Amino acid sequence: MNGSVGTAGVSAGEGDPLSFNGASVLVVGGSSGIGNGIARAFRDRGAQVTVWGTRASAADYAGDTGSDLQGLSYAQVDVADDAAVSRAAAAMPRLDVLVLSQGVVLYRRAEYEMPGFRKVLDVNLNSLMACCAAFHPQLKAARGSVIILSSTAAFHATRGNPGYAASKAGAVGLVRTLADAWADDGIRVNGIAPGFVATKMTEVTTANPARLEAALQRIPMGRLGTPQDMAGVALFLASPLAAYVIGHTVPVDGGLLLN
């Protein structure tokens, strides 16, 4: 890894601090949406990027809106299966940046039933710890960085989705705790809390003009977020520019949480 003080990228004063030439980056949930935008941003900055997704091969995402896997390595991994995560991590002996962007949400009050609640917690929270624990040796060796994607739902009630809200609040707590626990290992752990971003997961709102208008009225900037908005913050958090930043989850929400 090029860099120092627990950051991937080049050291300050040696060039572009947002260059990740030669860095190894994994984006879990990087096959589409926010994760894919982050994966492509690291790719465009010179990193060797692997993404984990749910489908058998990268070709299975061809034609999907918001999915571009060109120039990215791909592996199918069920992150709700701890053993599968451990096996996949063992196949990657080096890692500088771990981005955890996996997530699921269930509608029609399915999260009020325990099978649905457990499914959401397994993917959105339990798998975060599984991935972090599995890659701890590689991240310690690289003095690397972990970035956990949560949501602004961590900070307010989400009436129809108790599992989603609980999992995202848990992710924010996990960021703080792992940052404290792993600072001595040279691993920086931070998070991003996206606001309203147009992805497949939010189509229930974006495809409904009335719901979309109501959502936009709550955002001071008057627009939805984009995967690129999240990617810029991810690059910063993984770079030497954030060398003294640990344990924080940054809301990237166009001001949504101000109201």
C-alpha atoms as a PDB file:
ATOM      1  CA  MET A   1       0.000   0.000   0.000  1.00  0.00           C
ATOM      2  CA  ASN A   2       1.205   3.499  -0.787  1.00  0.00           C
ATOM      3  CA  GLY A   3       0.618   5.733   2.194  1.00  0.00           C
ATOM      4  CA  SER A   4       1.111   6.238   5.909  1.00  0.00           C
ATOM      5  CA  VAL A   5      -0.667   6.754   9.223  1.00  0.00           C
ATOM      6  CA  GLY A   6      -3.315   4.181   8.453  1.00  0.00           C
ATOM      7  CA  THR A   7      -4.512   5.521   5.130  1.00  0.00           C
ATOM      8  CA  ALA A   8      -4.587   4.125   1.637  1.00  0.00           C
ATOM      9  CA  GLY A   9      -3.501   6.337  -1.215  1.00  0.00           C
ATOM     10  CA  VAL A  10      -0.385   8.503  -1.368  1.00  0.00           C
ATOM     11  CA  SER A  11       0.963  10.416   1.567  1.00  0.00           C
ATOM     12  CA  ALA A  12       0.385  14.132   1.811  1.00  0.00           C
ATOM     13  CA  GLY A  13       3.075  16.010  -0.063  1.00  0.00           C
ATOM     14  CA  GLU A  14       3.820  13.113  -2.418  1.00  0.00           C
ATOM     15  CA  GLY A  15       1.152  13.908  -4.980  1.00  0.00           C
ATOM     16  CA  ASP A  16      -2.591  13.671  -5.242  1.00  0.00           C
ATOM     17  CA  PRO A  17      -3.905  12.654  -1.802  1.00  0.00           C
ATOM     18  CA  LEU A  18      -6.956  11.146  -3.517  1.00  0.00           C
ATOM     19  CA  SER A  19      -4.889   8.808  -5.672  1.00  0.00           C
ATOM     20  CA  PHE A  20      -5.299   5.134  -4.815  1.00  0.00           C
ATOM     21  CA  ASN A  21      -2.823   3.750  -7.340  1.00  0.00           C
ATOM     22  CA  GLY A  22      -1.904   0.223  -6.304  1.00  0.00           C
ATOM     23  CA  ALA A  23      -4.391   0.052  -3.426  1.00  0.00           C
ATOM     24  CA  SER A  24      -6.567  -3.016  -2.965  1.00  0.00           C
ATOM     25  CA  VAL A  25     -10.206  -2.095  -2.319  1.00  0.00           C
ATOM     26  CA  LEU A  26     -13.222  -4.307  -1.635  1.00  0.00           C
ATOM     27  CA  VAL A  27     -16.745  -2.922  -1.902  1.00  0.00           C
ATOM     28  CA  VAL A  28     -19.301  -5.319  -0.461  1.00  0.00           C
ATOM     29  CA  GLY A  29     -22.607  -4.590  -2.158  1.00  0.00           C
ATOM     30  CA  GLY A  30     -20.728  -2.880  -4.973  1.00  0.00           C
ATOM     31  CA  SER A  31     -22.709  -4.406  -7.824  1.00  0.00           C
ATOM     32  CA  SER A  32     -25.256  -1.575  -8.040  1.00  0.00           C
ATOM     33  CA  GLY A  33     -26.478   1.645  -6.491  1.00  0.00           C
ATOM     34  CA  ILE A  34     -24.374   3.507  -3.943  1.00  0.00           C
ATOM     35  CA  GLY A  35     -21.841   0.706  -3.615  1.00  0.00           C
ATOM     36  CA  ASN A  36     -21.279   0.593  -7.348  1.00  0.00           C
ATOM     37  CA  GLY A  37     -20.748   4.347  -7.477  1.00  0.00           C
ATOM     38  CA  ILE A  38     -18.134   4.055  -4.735  1.00  0.00           C
ATOM     39  CA  ALA A  39     -16.434   1.106  -6.442  1.00  0.00           C
ATOM     40  CA  ARG A  40     -16.172   3.009  -9.718  1.00  0.00           C
ATOM     41  CA  ALA A  41     -14.765   6.059  -7.938  1.00  0.00           C
ATOM     42  CA  PHE A  42     -11.931   4.021  -6.441  1.00  0.00           C
ATOM     43  CA  ARG A  43     -11.373   2.299  -9.799  1.00  0.00           C
ATOM     44  CA  ASP A  44     -11.099   5.673 -11.510  1.00  0.00           C
ATOM     45  CA  ARG A  45      -8.517   6.725  -8.909  1.00  0.00           C
ATOM     46  CA  GLY A  46      -6.247   3.792  -9.736  1.00  0.00           C
ATOM     47  CA  ALA A  47      -7.287   1.163  -7.194  1.00  0.00           C
ATOM     48  CA  GLN A  48      -7.671  -2.530  -7.860  1.00  0.00           C
ATOM     49  CA  VAL A  49     -11.308  -2.957  -6.881  1.00  0.00           C
ATOM     50  CA  THR A  50     -13.244  -6.109  -6.077  1.00  0.00           C
ATOM     51  CA  VAL A  51     -16.987  -6.097  -5.512  1.00  0.00           C
ATOM     52  CA  TRP A  52     -19.133  -8.693  -3.812  1.00  0.00           C
ATOM     53  CA  GLY A  53     -22.697  -9.198  -4.960  1.00  0.00           C
ATOM     54  CA  THR A  54     -25.571 -11.645  -4.763  1.00  0.00           C
ATOM     55  CA  ARG A  55     -25.713 -12.932  -8.349  1.00  0.00           C
ATOM     56  CA  ALA A  56     -23.651 -15.740  -9.837  1.00  0.00           C
ATOM     57  CA  SER A  57     -21.515 -13.574 -12.128  1.00  0.00           C
ATOM     58  CA  ALA A  58     -20.896  -9.993 -13.220  1.00  0.00           C
ATOM     59  CA  ALA A  59     -22.649 -10.771 -16.506  1.00  0.00           C
ATOM     60  CA  ASP A  60     -25.892 -11.220 -14.588  1.00  0.00           C
ATOM     61  CA  TYR A  61     -25.966  -7.471 -13.928  1.00  0.00           C
ATOM     62  CA  ALA A  62     -25.705  -6.513 -17.601  1.00  0.00           C
ATOM     63  CA  GLY A  63     -28.322  -3.935 -18.481  1.00  0.00           C
ATOM     64  CA  ASP A  64     -29.241  -3.100 -14.893  1.00  0.00           C
ATOM     65  CA  THR A  65     -29.643   0.614 -14.231  1.00  0.00           C
ATOM     66  CA  GLY A  66     -26.973   1.870 -11.854  1.00  0.00           C
ATOM     67  CA  SER A  67     -24.660  -1.090 -12.373  1.00  0.00           C
ATOM     68  CA  ASP A  68     -21.296  -0.792 -14.142  1.00  0.00           C
ATOM     69  CA  LEU A  69     -18.803  -3.549 -13.376  1.00  0.00           C
ATOM     70  CA  GLN A  70     -16.313  -2.736 -16.122  1.00  0.00           C
ATOM     71  CA  GLY A  71     -12.781  -2.838 -14.761  1.00  0.00           C
ATOM     72  CA  LEU A  72     -13.923  -4.358 -11.459  1.00  0.00           C
ATOM     73  CA  SER A  73     -13.317  -7.865 -10.161  1.00  0.00           C
ATOM     74  CA  TYR A  74     -16.458  -9.646  -9.027  1.00  0.00           C
ATOM     75  CA  ALA A  75     -17.340 -12.439  -6.603  1.00  0.00           C
ATOM     76  CA  GLN A  76     -20.674 -13.829  -5.457  1.00  0.00           C
ATOM     77  CA  VAL A  77     -20.750 -13.955  -1.658  1.00  0.00           C
ATOM     78  CA  ASP A  78     -23.709 -14.459   0.670  1.00  0.00           C
ATOM     79  CA  VAL A  79     -22.755 -12.021   3.434  1.00  0.00           C
ATOM     80  CA  ALA A  80     -25.442 -13.467   5.729  1.00  0.00           C
ATOM     81  CA  ASP A  81     -23.397 -16.703   5.753  1.00  0.00           C
ATOM     82  CA  ASP A  82     -20.462 -16.222   8.147  1.00  0.00           C
ATOM     83  CA  ALA A  83     -18.572 -19.204   6.751  1.00  0.00           C
ATOM     84  CA  ALA A  84     -18.916 -17.905   3.184  1.00  0.00           C
ATOM     85  CA  VAL A  85     -17.552 -14.526   4.275  1.00  0.00           C
ATOM     86  CA  SER A  86     -14.573 -16.161   5.986  1.00  0.00           C
ATOM     87  CA  ARG A  87     -13.764 -18.266   2.921  1.00  0.00           C
ATOM     88  CA  ALA A  88     -13.962 -15.284   0.584  1.00  0.00           C
ATOM     89  CA  ALA A  89     -11.809 -13.169   2.888  1.00  0.00           C
ATOM     90  CA  ALA A  90      -9.154 -15.881   3.045  1.00  0.00           C
ATOM     91  CA  ALA A  91      -8.906 -15.703  -0.751  1.00  0.00           C
ATOM     92  CA  MET A  92      -7.882 -12.020  -0.512  1.00  0.00           C
ATOM     93  CA  PRO A  93      -4.520 -11.921   1.283  1.00  0.00           C
ATOM     94  CA  ARG A  94      -4.202  -8.146   0.958  1.00  0.00           C
ATOM     95  CA  LEU A  95      -6.729  -5.369   1.559  1.00  0.00           C
ATOM     96  CA  ASP A  96      -6.243  -1.624   2.053  1.00  0.00           C
ATOM     97  CA  VAL A  97      -9.828  -0.356   2.033  1.00  0.00           C
ATOM     98  CA  LEU A  98     -12.990  -2.221   3.026  1.00  0.00           C
ATOM     99  CA  VAL A  99     -16.282  -0.557   2.065  1.00  0.00           C
ATOM    100  CA  LEU A 100     -19.426  -2.190   3.427  1.00  0.00           C
ATOM    101  CA  SER A 101     -22.444  -1.117   1.398  1.00  0.00           C
ATOM    102  CA  GLN A 102     -24.634  -4.211   1.617  1.00  0.00           C
ATOM    103  CA  GLY A 103     -28.252  -3.691   2.518  1.00  0.00           C
ATOM    104  CA  VAL A 104     -31.825  -4.888   2.236  1.00  0.00           C
ATOM    105  CA  VAL A 105     -35.214  -3.429   3.115  1.00  0.00           C
ATOM    106  CA  LEU A 106     -38.573  -5.219   3.254  1.00  0.00           C
ATOM    107  CA  TYR A 107     -41.833  -3.412   2.623  1.00  0.00           C
ATOM    108  CA  ARG A 108     -45.534  -4.133   3.399  1.00  0.00           C
ATOM    109  CA  ARG A 109     -44.735  -4.388   7.125  1.00  0.00           C
ATOM    110  CA  ALA A 110     -42.708  -7.549   6.565  1.00  0.00           C
ATOM    111  CA  GLU A 111     -40.126  -6.328   9.081  1.00  0.00           C
ATOM    112  CA  TYR A 112     -42.754  -6.497  11.840  1.00  0.00           C
ATOM    113  CA  GLU A 113     -42.656 -10.273  11.510  1.00  0.00           C
ATOM    114  CA  MET A 114     -39.623 -11.954  13.038  1.00  0.00           C
ATOM    115  CA  PRO A 115     -38.416 -13.744   9.878  1.00  0.00           C
ATOM    116  CA  GLY A 116     -38.303 -10.417   8.052  1.00  0.00           C
ATOM    117  CA  PHE A 117     -36.761  -8.590  11.003  1.00  0.00           C
ATOM    118  CA  ARG A 118     -34.024 -11.229  11.328  1.00  0.00           C
ATOM    119  CA  LYS A 119     -33.276 -11.187   7.604  1.00  0.00           C
ATOM    120  CA  VAL A 120     -32.757  -7.431   7.600  1.00  0.00           C
ATOM    121  CA  LEU A 121     -30.569  -7.526  10.727  1.00  0.00           C
ATOM    122  CA  ASP A 122     -28.493 -10.397   9.316  1.00  0.00           C
ATOM    123  CA  VAL A 123     -27.688  -8.522   6.107  1.00  0.00           C
ATOM    124  CA  ASN A 124     -27.606  -4.926   7.326  1.00  0.00           C
ATOM    125  CA  LEU A 125     -25.830  -5.355  10.655  1.00  0.00           C
ATOM    126  CA  ASN A 126     -24.569  -8.840  11.482  1.00  0.00           C
ATOM    127  CA  SER A 127     -22.778  -9.162   8.146  1.00  0.00           C
ATOM    128  CA  LEU A 128     -20.925  -5.914   8.817  1.00  0.00           C
ATOM    129  CA  MET A 129     -19.254  -7.455  11.843  1.00  0.00           C
ATOM    130  CA  ALA A 130     -18.630 -10.698   9.977  1.00  0.00           C
ATOM    131  CA  CYS A 131     -16.820  -8.843   7.192  1.00  0.00           C
ATOM    132  CA  CYS A 132     -14.828  -6.631   9.546  1.00  0.00           C
ATOM    133  CA  ALA A 133     -13.722  -9.580  11.673  1.00  0.00           C
ATOM    134  CA  ALA A 134     -12.802 -11.678   8.639  1.00  0.00           C
ATOM    135  CA  PHE A 135     -10.620  -8.941   7.155  1.00  0.00           C
ATOM    136  CA  HIS A 136      -9.081  -7.652  10.371  1.00  0.00           C
ATOM    137  CA  PRO A 137      -5.688  -9.329   9.744  1.00  0.00           C
ATOM    138  CA  GLN A 138      -5.372  -7.862   6.233  1.00  0.00           C
ATOM    139  CA  LEU A 139      -6.485  -4.415   7.366  1.00  0.00           C
ATOM    140  CA  LYS A 140      -4.068  -4.454  10.299  1.00  0.00           C
ATOM    141  CA  ALA A 141      -1.186  -5.441   8.034  1.00  0.00           C
ATOM    142  CA  ALA A 142      -2.056  -2.611   5.623  1.00  0.00           C
ATOM    143  CA  ARG A 143      -2.950  -0.052   8.328  1.00  0.00           C
ATOM    144  CA  GLY A 144      -6.079   0.263   6.270  1.00  0.00           C
ATOM    145  CA  SER A 145      -9.487   1.847   6.368  1.00  0.00           C
ATOM    146  CA  VAL A 146     -13.055   0.610   6.867  1.00  0.00           C
ATOM    147  CA  ILE A 147     -16.057   2.595   5.641  1.00  0.00           C
ATOM    148  CA  ILE A 148     -19.510   1.414   6.712  1.00  0.00           C
ATOM    149  CA  LEU A 149     -22.592   2.669   4.889  1.00  0.00           C
ATOM    150  CA  SER A 150     -25.585   3.167   7.153  1.00  0.00           C
ATOM    151  CA  SER A 151     -28.423   5.642   6.541  1.00  0.00           C
ATOM    152  CA  THR A 152     -30.013   8.779   7.925  1.00  0.00           C
ATOM    153  CA  ALA A 153     -32.688   6.305   9.069  1.00  0.00           C
ATOM    154  CA  ALA A 154     -30.288   5.645  11.954  1.00  0.00           C
ATOM    155  CA  PHE A 155     -31.235   9.038  13.383  1.00  0.00           C
ATOM    156  CA  HIS A 156     -35.014   9.152  13.042  1.00  0.00           C
ATOM    157  CA  ALA A 157     -38.042   6.872  13.184  1.00  0.00           C
ATOM    158  CA  THR A 158     -38.836   4.779  10.116  1.00  0.00           C
ATOM    159  CA  ARG A 159     -42.368   3.661  10.903  1.00  0.00           C
ATOM    160  CA  GLY A 160     -42.751   0.936   8.289  1.00  0.00           C
ATOM    161  CA  ASN A 161     -39.296  -0.577   8.698  1.00  0.00           C
ATOM    162  CA  PRO A 162     -38.215  -1.362  12.261  1.00  0.00           C
ATOM    163  CA  GLY A 163     -35.556  -3.812  11.133  1.00  0.00           C
ATOM    164  CA  TYR A 164     -34.014  -1.330   8.729  1.00  0.00           C
ATOM    165  CA  ALA A 165     -33.984   1.479  11.297  1.00  0.00           C
ATOM    166  CA  ALA A 166     -32.528  -0.729  14.028  1.00  0.00           C
ATOM    167  CA  SER A 167     -29.858  -2.145  11.735  1.00  0.00           C
ATOM    168  CA  LYS A 168     -28.716   1.274  10.566  1.00  0.00           C
ATOM    169  CA  ALA A 169     -28.583   2.637  14.118  1.00  0.00           C
ATOM    170  CA  GLY A 170     -26.560  -0.437  15.033  1.00  0.00           C
ATOM    171  CA  ALA A 171     -24.158   0.255  12.167  1.00  0.00           C
ATOM    172  CA  VAL A 172     -23.445   3.724  13.553  1.00  0.00           C
ATOM    173  CA  GLY A 173     -22.677   2.202  16.950  1.00  0.00           C
ATOM    174  CA  LEU A 174     -20.453  -0.413  15.360  1.00  0.00           C
ATOM    175  CA  VAL A 175     -18.431   2.299  13.619  1.00  0.00           C
ATOM    176  CA  ARG A 176     -17.734   4.011  16.951  1.00  0.00           C
ATOM    177  CA  THR A 177     -16.835   0.818  18.775  1.00  0.00           C
ATOM    178  CA  LEU A 178     -14.565  -0.693  16.117  1.00  0.00           C
ATOM    179  CA  ALA A 179     -12.850   2.661  15.584  1.00  0.00           C
ATOM    180  CA  ASP A 180     -11.979   2.756  19.276  1.00  0.00           C
ATOM    181  CA  ALA A 181     -10.998  -0.909  19.445  1.00  0.00           C
ATOM    182  CA  TRP A 182      -8.881  -0.977  16.301  1.00  0.00           C
ATOM    183  CA  ALA A 183      -7.137   2.402  16.409  1.00  0.00           C
ATOM    184  CA  ASP A 184      -4.081   0.783  18.012  1.00  0.00           C
ATOM    185  CA  ASP A 185      -3.936  -1.571  15.035  1.00  0.00           C
ATOM    186  CA  GLY A 186      -3.666   1.386  12.670  1.00  0.00           C
ATOM    187  CA  ILE A 187      -7.135   0.693  11.216  1.00  0.00           C
ATOM    188  CA  ARG A 188      -9.381   3.703  10.769  1.00  0.00           C
ATOM    189  CA  VAL A 189     -13.112   2.951  10.881  1.00  0.00           C
ATOM    190  CA  ASN A 190     -15.647   5.545   9.738  1.00  0.00           C
ATOM    191  CA  GLY A 191     -19.084   5.612   8.189  1.00  0.00           C
ATOM    192  CA  ILE A 192     -21.376   7.375   5.759  1.00  0.00           C
ATOM    193  CA  ALA A 193     -25.091   7.905   6.361  1.00  0.00           C
ATOM    194  CA  PRO A 194     -26.705   8.530   2.970  1.00  0.00           C
ATOM    195  CA  GLY A 195     -29.912  10.496   2.792  1.00  0.00           C
ATOM    196  CA  PHE A 196     -32.439   9.954   0.035  1.00  0.00           C
ATOM    197  CA  VAL A 197     -30.584   8.483  -2.956  1.00  0.00           C
ATOM    198  CA  ALA A 198     -32.301   7.235  -6.112  1.00  0.00           C
ATOM    199  CA  THR A 199     -31.495   3.511  -6.277  1.00  0.00           C
ATOM    200  CA  LYS A 200     -33.399   0.270  -6.753  1.00  0.00           C
ATOM    201  CA  MET A 201     -34.099   0.217  -3.016  1.00  0.00           C
ATOM    202  CA  THR A 202     -35.892   3.583  -3.118  1.00  0.00           C
ATOM    203  CA  GLU A 203     -37.979   3.013  -6.245  1.00  0.00           C
ATOM    204  CA  VAL A 204     -41.067   2.601  -4.058  1.00  0.00           C
ATOM    205  CA  THR A 205     -40.810   6.382  -3.585  1.00  0.00           C
ATOM    206  CA  THR A 206     -39.020   7.651  -6.668  1.00  0.00           C
ATOM    207  CA  ALA A 207     -41.506   5.911  -8.975  1.00  0.00           C
ATOM    208  CA  ASN A 208     -44.435   7.584  -7.215  1.00  0.00           C
ATOM    209  CA  PRO A 209     -44.684  11.305  -8.151  1.00  0.00           C
ATOM    210  CA  ALA A 210     -46.583  12.284  -5.010  1.00  0.00           C
ATOM    211  CA  ARG A 211     -44.178  10.466  -2.696  1.00  0.00           C
ATOM    212  CA  LEU A 212     -41.188  11.842  -4.557  1.00  0.00           C
ATOM    213  CA  GLU A 213     -42.439  15.418  -4.265  1.00  0.00           C
ATOM    214  CA  ALA A 214     -43.028  14.978  -0.548  1.00  0.00           C
ATOM    215  CA  ALA A 215     -39.510  13.594  -0.123  1.00  0.00           C
ATOM    216  CA  LEU A 216     -37.930  16.477  -2.038  1.00  0.00           C
ATOM    217  CA  GLN A 217     -39.751  19.015   0.136  1.00  0.00           C
ATOM    218  CA  ARG A 218     -37.902  17.618   3.166  1.00  0.00           C
ATOM    219  CA  ILE A 219     -34.468  18.122   1.581  1.00  0.00           C
ATOM    220  CA  PRO A 220     -33.134  21.695   1.837  1.00  0.00           C
ATOM    221  CA  MET A 221     -30.987  21.253  -1.282  1.00  0.00           C
ATOM    222  CA  GLY A 222     -34.100  20.272  -3.221  1.00  0.00           C
ATOM    223  CA  ARG A 223     -32.699  17.201  -4.961  1.00  0.00           C
ATOM    224  CA  LEU A 224     -32.047  13.541  -4.365  1.00  0.00           C
ATOM    225  CA  GLY A 225     -28.551  12.366  -3.601  1.00  0.00           C
ATOM    226  CA  THR A 226     -26.500  10.367  -6.081  1.00  0.00           C
ATOM    227  CA  PRO A 227     -24.036   7.504  -5.688  1.00  0.00           C
ATOM    228  CA  GLN A 228     -21.359   9.977  -6.771  1.00  0.00           C
ATOM    229  CA  ASP A 229     -22.206  12.214  -3.804  1.00  0.00           C
ATOM    230  CA  MET A 230     -21.468   9.283  -1.499  1.00  0.00           C
ATOM    231  CA  ALA A 231     -18.361   8.265  -3.436  1.00  0.00           C
ATOM    232  CA  GLY A 232     -16.673  11.614  -2.895  1.00  0.00           C
ATOM    233  CA  VAL A 233     -16.976  11.253   0.870  1.00  0.00           C
ATOM    234  CA  ALA A 234     -15.764   7.651   0.729  1.00  0.00           C
ATOM    235  CA  LEU A 235     -12.630   8.711  -1.148  1.00  0.00           C
ATOM    236  CA  PHE A 236     -11.983  11.390   1.461  1.00  0.00           C
ATOM    237  CA  LEU A 237     -12.448   9.033   4.404  1.00  0.00           C
ATOM    238  CA  ALA A 238     -10.057   6.458   2.924  1.00  0.00           C
ATOM    239  CA  SER A 239      -7.421   9.041   2.033  1.00  0.00           C
ATOM    240  CA  PRO A 240      -4.583  10.752   3.947  1.00  0.00           C
ATOM    241  CA  LEU A 241      -6.835  13.834   4.104  1.00  0.00           C
ATOM    242  CA  ALA A 242      -8.802  11.999   6.800  1.00  0.00           C
ATOM    243  CA  ALA A 243      -5.772  10.564   8.612  1.00  0.00           C
ATOM    244  CA  TYR A 244      -6.966  11.872  11.999  1.00  0.00           C
ATOM    245  CA  VAL A 245     -10.642  10.982  11.569  1.00  0.00           C
ATOM    246  CA  ILE A 246     -12.006   7.854  13.267  1.00  0.00           C
ATOM    247  CA  GLY A 247     -15.347   6.718  14.611  1.00  0.00           C
ATOM    248  CA  HIS A 248     -17.523   9.213  12.766  1.00  0.00           C
ATOM    249  CA  THR A 249     -20.529   8.537  10.552  1.00  0.00           C
ATOM    250  CA  VAL A 250     -20.906  11.442   8.137  1.00  0.00           C
ATOM    251  CA  PRO A 251     -24.475  12.283   7.039  1.00  0.00           C
ATOM    252  CA  VAL A 252     -24.501  12.955   3.296  1.00  0.00           C
ATOM    253  CA  ASP A 253     -28.098  13.998   2.922  1.00  0.00           C
ATOM    254  CA  GLY A 254     -28.520  17.421   1.318  1.00  0.00           C
ATOM    255  CA  GLY A 255     -29.608  18.745   4.702  1.00  0.00           C
ATOM    256  CA  LEU A 256     -32.371  16.195   5.346  1.00  0.00           C
ATOM    257  CA  LEU A 257     -31.473  15.825   9.018  1.00  0.00           C
ATOM    258  CA  LEU A 258     -31.590  19.593   9.591  1.00  0.00           C
ATOM    259  CA  ASN A 259     -35.386  19.521   9.741  1.00  0.00           C
END
